[in-house]
Protein backbone atom coordinates (compact mmCIF):
# COMPACT_ATOMS: atom_id res chain seq x y z
CA UNK A 1 20.83 16.44 -42.62
CA UNK A 2 22.85 14.54 -40.04
CA UNK A 3 21.80 16.99 -37.23
CA UNK A 4 18.24 16.65 -38.09
CA UNK A 5 18.49 12.89 -37.85
CA UNK A 6 20.29 12.93 -34.48
CA UNK A 7 17.42 15.30 -33.16
CA UNK A 8 14.88 12.93 -34.38
CA UNK A 9 16.71 10.15 -32.93
CA UNK A 10 17.19 11.73 -29.65
CA UNK A 11 13.35 12.79 -29.59
CA UNK A 12 12.31 9.11 -30.19
CA UNK A 13 14.40 8.01 -27.15
CA UNK A 14 12.95 10.55 -24.85
CA UNK A 15 9.52 9.64 -25.96
CA UNK A 16 10.20 5.88 -25.84
CA UNK A 17 11.58 6.33 -22.21
CA UNK A 18 8.31 8.15 -21.27
CA UNK A 19 6.14 5.44 -22.02
CA UNK A 20 6.79 3.54 -18.76
CA UNK A 21 3.57 2.87 -16.73
CA UNK A 22 4.91 5.35 -13.97
CA UNK A 23 8.09 6.63 -14.84
CA UNK A 24 10.53 6.51 -11.95
CA UNK A 25 7.67 7.35 -9.63
CA UNK A 26 7.58 10.87 -10.96
CA UNK A 27 3.69 10.92 -10.56
CA UNK A 28 3.86 9.59 -7.34
CA UNK A 29 3.49 10.91 -3.71
CA UNK A 30 5.50 9.29 -0.82
CA UNK A 31 3.24 7.61 1.79
CA UNK A 32 5.06 7.80 5.32
CA UNK A 33 6.66 4.45 5.71
CA UNK A 34 4.77 3.03 2.66
CA UNK A 35 7.35 0.83 2.04
CA UNK A 36 7.25 -0.80 5.58
CA UNK A 37 10.78 -0.58 6.15
CA UNK A 38 10.58 1.27 9.58
CA UNK A 39 10.07 -0.67 12.62
CA UNK A 40 10.73 0.19 16.24
CA UNK A 41 12.86 -2.25 18.52
CA UNK A 42 9.58 -3.93 19.66
CA UNK A 43 8.99 -4.37 16.47
CA UNK A 44 6.04 -2.10 15.77
CA UNK A 45 5.24 -0.48 12.45
CA UNK A 46 6.37 3.26 12.50
CA UNK A 47 3.99 5.88 11.28
CA UNK A 48 0.95 3.51 11.31
CA UNK A 49 -1.45 2.88 14.15
CA UNK A 50 -2.16 -0.82 14.54
CA UNK A 51 -3.72 -3.32 17.05
CA UNK A 52 -0.46 -5.22 17.18
CA UNK A 53 1.26 -5.89 20.44
CA UNK A 54 4.58 -7.81 19.71
CA UNK A 55 5.46 -7.50 23.73
CA UNK A 56 2.14 -8.31 25.13
CA UNK A 57 1.83 -11.56 27.10
CA UNK A 58 -1.28 -13.38 27.22
CA UNK A 59 -3.46 -16.40 26.20
CA UNK A 60 -3.29 -15.66 22.37
CA UNK A 61 -0.51 -13.87 20.16
CA UNK A 62 -1.15 -10.32 19.99
CA UNK A 63 1.62 -9.75 17.48
CA UNK A 64 -0.48 -9.72 14.29
CA UNK A 65 1.01 -7.02 12.14
CA UNK A 66 4.32 -8.71 11.85
CA UNK A 67 7.71 -7.36 10.38
CA UNK A 68 8.26 -9.62 7.37
CA UNK A 69 11.54 -10.13 5.59
CA UNK A 70 10.14 -11.68 2.59
CA UNK A 71 9.75 -8.24 0.95
CA UNK A 72 8.85 -6.99 -2.69
CA UNK A 73 11.09 -4.12 -2.27
CA UNK A 74 13.66 -3.20 0.43
CA UNK A 75 14.18 -5.49 3.47
CA UNK A 76 10.88 -5.69 5.07
CA UNK A 77 7.10 -5.85 4.28
CA UNK A 78 4.04 -5.95 6.54
CA UNK A 79 2.33 -9.29 7.08
CA UNK A 80 -1.40 -9.26 8.51
CA UNK A 81 -2.46 -12.31 10.61
CA UNK A 82 -5.46 -13.58 12.19
CA UNK A 83 -4.71 -14.46 15.90
CA UNK A 84 -7.88 -16.50 16.42
CA UNK A 85 -9.39 -13.83 18.39
CA UNK A 86 -9.43 -10.59 16.41
CA UNK A 87 -8.32 -9.46 12.92
CA UNK A 88 -5.47 -7.30 12.50
CA UNK A 89 -5.49 -3.71 11.13
CA UNK A 90 -3.08 -0.90 10.38
CA UNK A 91 -4.06 2.83 9.49
CA UNK A 92 -2.04 5.65 8.22
CA UNK A 93 -3.27 9.21 7.97
CA UNK A 94 -0.87 11.96 6.31
CA UNK A 95 -0.95 15.11 4.52
CA UNK A 96 -1.19 15.00 0.37
CA UNK A 97 -0.06 17.73 -1.89
CA UNK A 98 -2.47 16.57 -4.81
CA UNK A 99 -5.37 14.47 -5.37
CA UNK A 100 -4.15 10.95 -6.34
CA UNK A 101 -5.78 8.72 -8.86
CA UNK A 102 -4.38 5.56 -7.71
CA UNK A 103 -3.14 3.70 -4.79
CA UNK A 104 -0.56 1.20 -5.91
CA UNK A 105 1.54 -1.57 -4.10
CA UNK A 106 2.42 -5.38 -4.13
CA UNK A 107 0.64 -8.01 -2.26
CA UNK A 108 0.74 -11.73 -1.72
CA UNK A 109 -1.73 -13.67 0.35
CA UNK A 110 -2.83 -16.84 1.76
CA UNK A 111 -6.79 -16.54 2.35
CA UNK A 112 -8.81 -19.22 4.04
CA UNK A 113 -12.02 -20.10 1.81
CA UNK A 114 -14.65 -17.72 2.62
CA UNK A 115 -12.48 -15.09 4.23
CA UNK A 116 -11.73 -11.45 3.07
CA UNK A 117 -8.95 -9.02 3.58
CA UNK A 118 -9.03 -5.34 2.75
CA UNK A 119 -6.92 -2.49 1.77
CA UNK A 120 -8.80 1.06 1.49
CA UNK A 121 -8.00 4.55 0.99
CA UNK A 122 -9.95 7.76 1.88
CA UNK A 123 -9.23 11.08 0.61
CA UNK A 124 -10.10 14.28 2.88
CA UNK A 125 -10.47 17.72 2.47
CA UNK A 126 -11.12 19.79 5.66
CA UNK A 127 -11.61 16.63 7.71
CA UNK A 128 -14.56 15.45 5.32
CA UNK A 129 -14.17 12.27 3.11
CA UNK A 130 -14.38 13.34 -0.37
CA UNK A 131 -13.13 10.38 -2.33
CA UNK A 132 -12.27 6.84 -1.71
CA UNK A 133 -11.06 3.49 -3.21
CA UNK A 134 -11.09 -0.22 -2.10
CA UNK A 135 -9.52 -3.47 -2.57
CA UNK A 136 -10.93 -6.72 -1.39
CA UNK A 137 -8.70 -9.78 -1.23
CA UNK A 138 -10.54 -13.01 -1.24
CA UNK A 139 -8.10 -15.60 -2.84
CA UNK A 140 -4.46 -16.57 -2.15
CA UNK A 141 -1.74 -14.94 -4.31
CA UNK A 142 1.43 -17.29 -4.04
CA UNK A 143 4.00 -14.54 -5.51
CA UNK A 144 3.87 -10.66 -5.19
CA UNK A 145 1.60 -9.09 -7.51
CA UNK A 146 0.98 -5.49 -8.05
CA UNK A 147 -2.39 -4.02 -7.43
CA UNK A 148 -3.98 -0.76 -8.07
CA UNK A 149 -6.73 0.86 -6.37
CA UNK A 150 -8.62 3.54 -8.24
CA UNK A 151 -9.56 6.29 -6.39
CA UNK A 152 -12.97 8.22 -7.00
CA UNK A 153 -12.71 11.52 -8.42
CA UNK A 154 -15.69 13.43 -7.02
CA UNK A 155 -13.43 16.48 -5.34
CA UNK A 156 -10.86 18.85 -6.93
CA UNK A 157 -9.61 19.57 -3.65
CA UNK A 158 -7.96 17.32 -1.04
CA UNK A 159 -5.52 17.75 1.84
CA UNK A 160 -5.04 14.39 3.46
CA UNK A 161 -5.36 10.76 3.06
CA UNK A 162 -5.99 7.71 5.20
CA UNK A 163 -5.01 4.10 4.19
CA UNK A 164 -6.38 1.13 5.98
CA UNK A 165 -5.34 -2.41 5.98
CA UNK A 166 -7.51 -5.04 7.41
CA UNK A 167 -6.57 -8.72 7.56
CA UNK A 168 -9.01 -11.63 7.70
CA UNK A 169 -10.84 -13.21 10.47
CA UNK A 170 -10.18 -16.86 9.82
CA UNK A 171 -7.51 -18.90 11.08
CA UNK A 172 -4.57 -19.23 8.57
CA UNK A 173 -5.32 -16.11 6.40
CA UNK A 174 -2.18 -13.82 5.97
CA UNK A 175 -2.05 -10.90 3.75
CA UNK A 176 1.47 -9.30 3.06
CA UNK A 177 1.87 -5.75 1.53
CA UNK A 178 4.71 -3.61 0.49
CA UNK A 179 5.87 -0.59 -1.47
CA UNK A 180 2.74 1.39 -1.61
CA UNK A 181 2.62 4.61 -3.64
CA UNK A 182 -0.04 7.12 -4.51
CA UNK A 183 -0.23 7.86 -8.14
CA UNK A 184 -1.70 11.05 -10.00
CA UNK A 185 -1.89 10.16 -13.74
């Protein structure tokens, strides 16, 4: 009888530990530099294409995708700022092994009234967009907050994903993101 109680107790513990939202990222797919830890010496974000140019000299600041040490996870996050001329953007396209259901991450923002920043994901199969999801950020978030972007599920097949982040287009708008993960429920 004691062995039965021990087995039941162990099963209950295993089931309870499996009730986490996304247990130990077991259902997650890695996004290349999705935690924004890797920057080159300029500093430009590695694995992402951006319109940021930290070393460029000119009449306006061109360092618009900024290495931010106020991170949710790890040492760094990416901050997207408007320089008064054009909005900041970054794009990361990479292979995936399974069709995700969610893009999750953490953001905080300072959004000027009437402005919008955006995070979007497109899922591809054979170079065609088959599914997508979007998050529009229209208000300020003073502390890091988790976000979830549901991804449509029109196709059973997928081979790559593309994440696009676009900052606002009004002065003083800033969007900071960190710790992106693709989730398959």
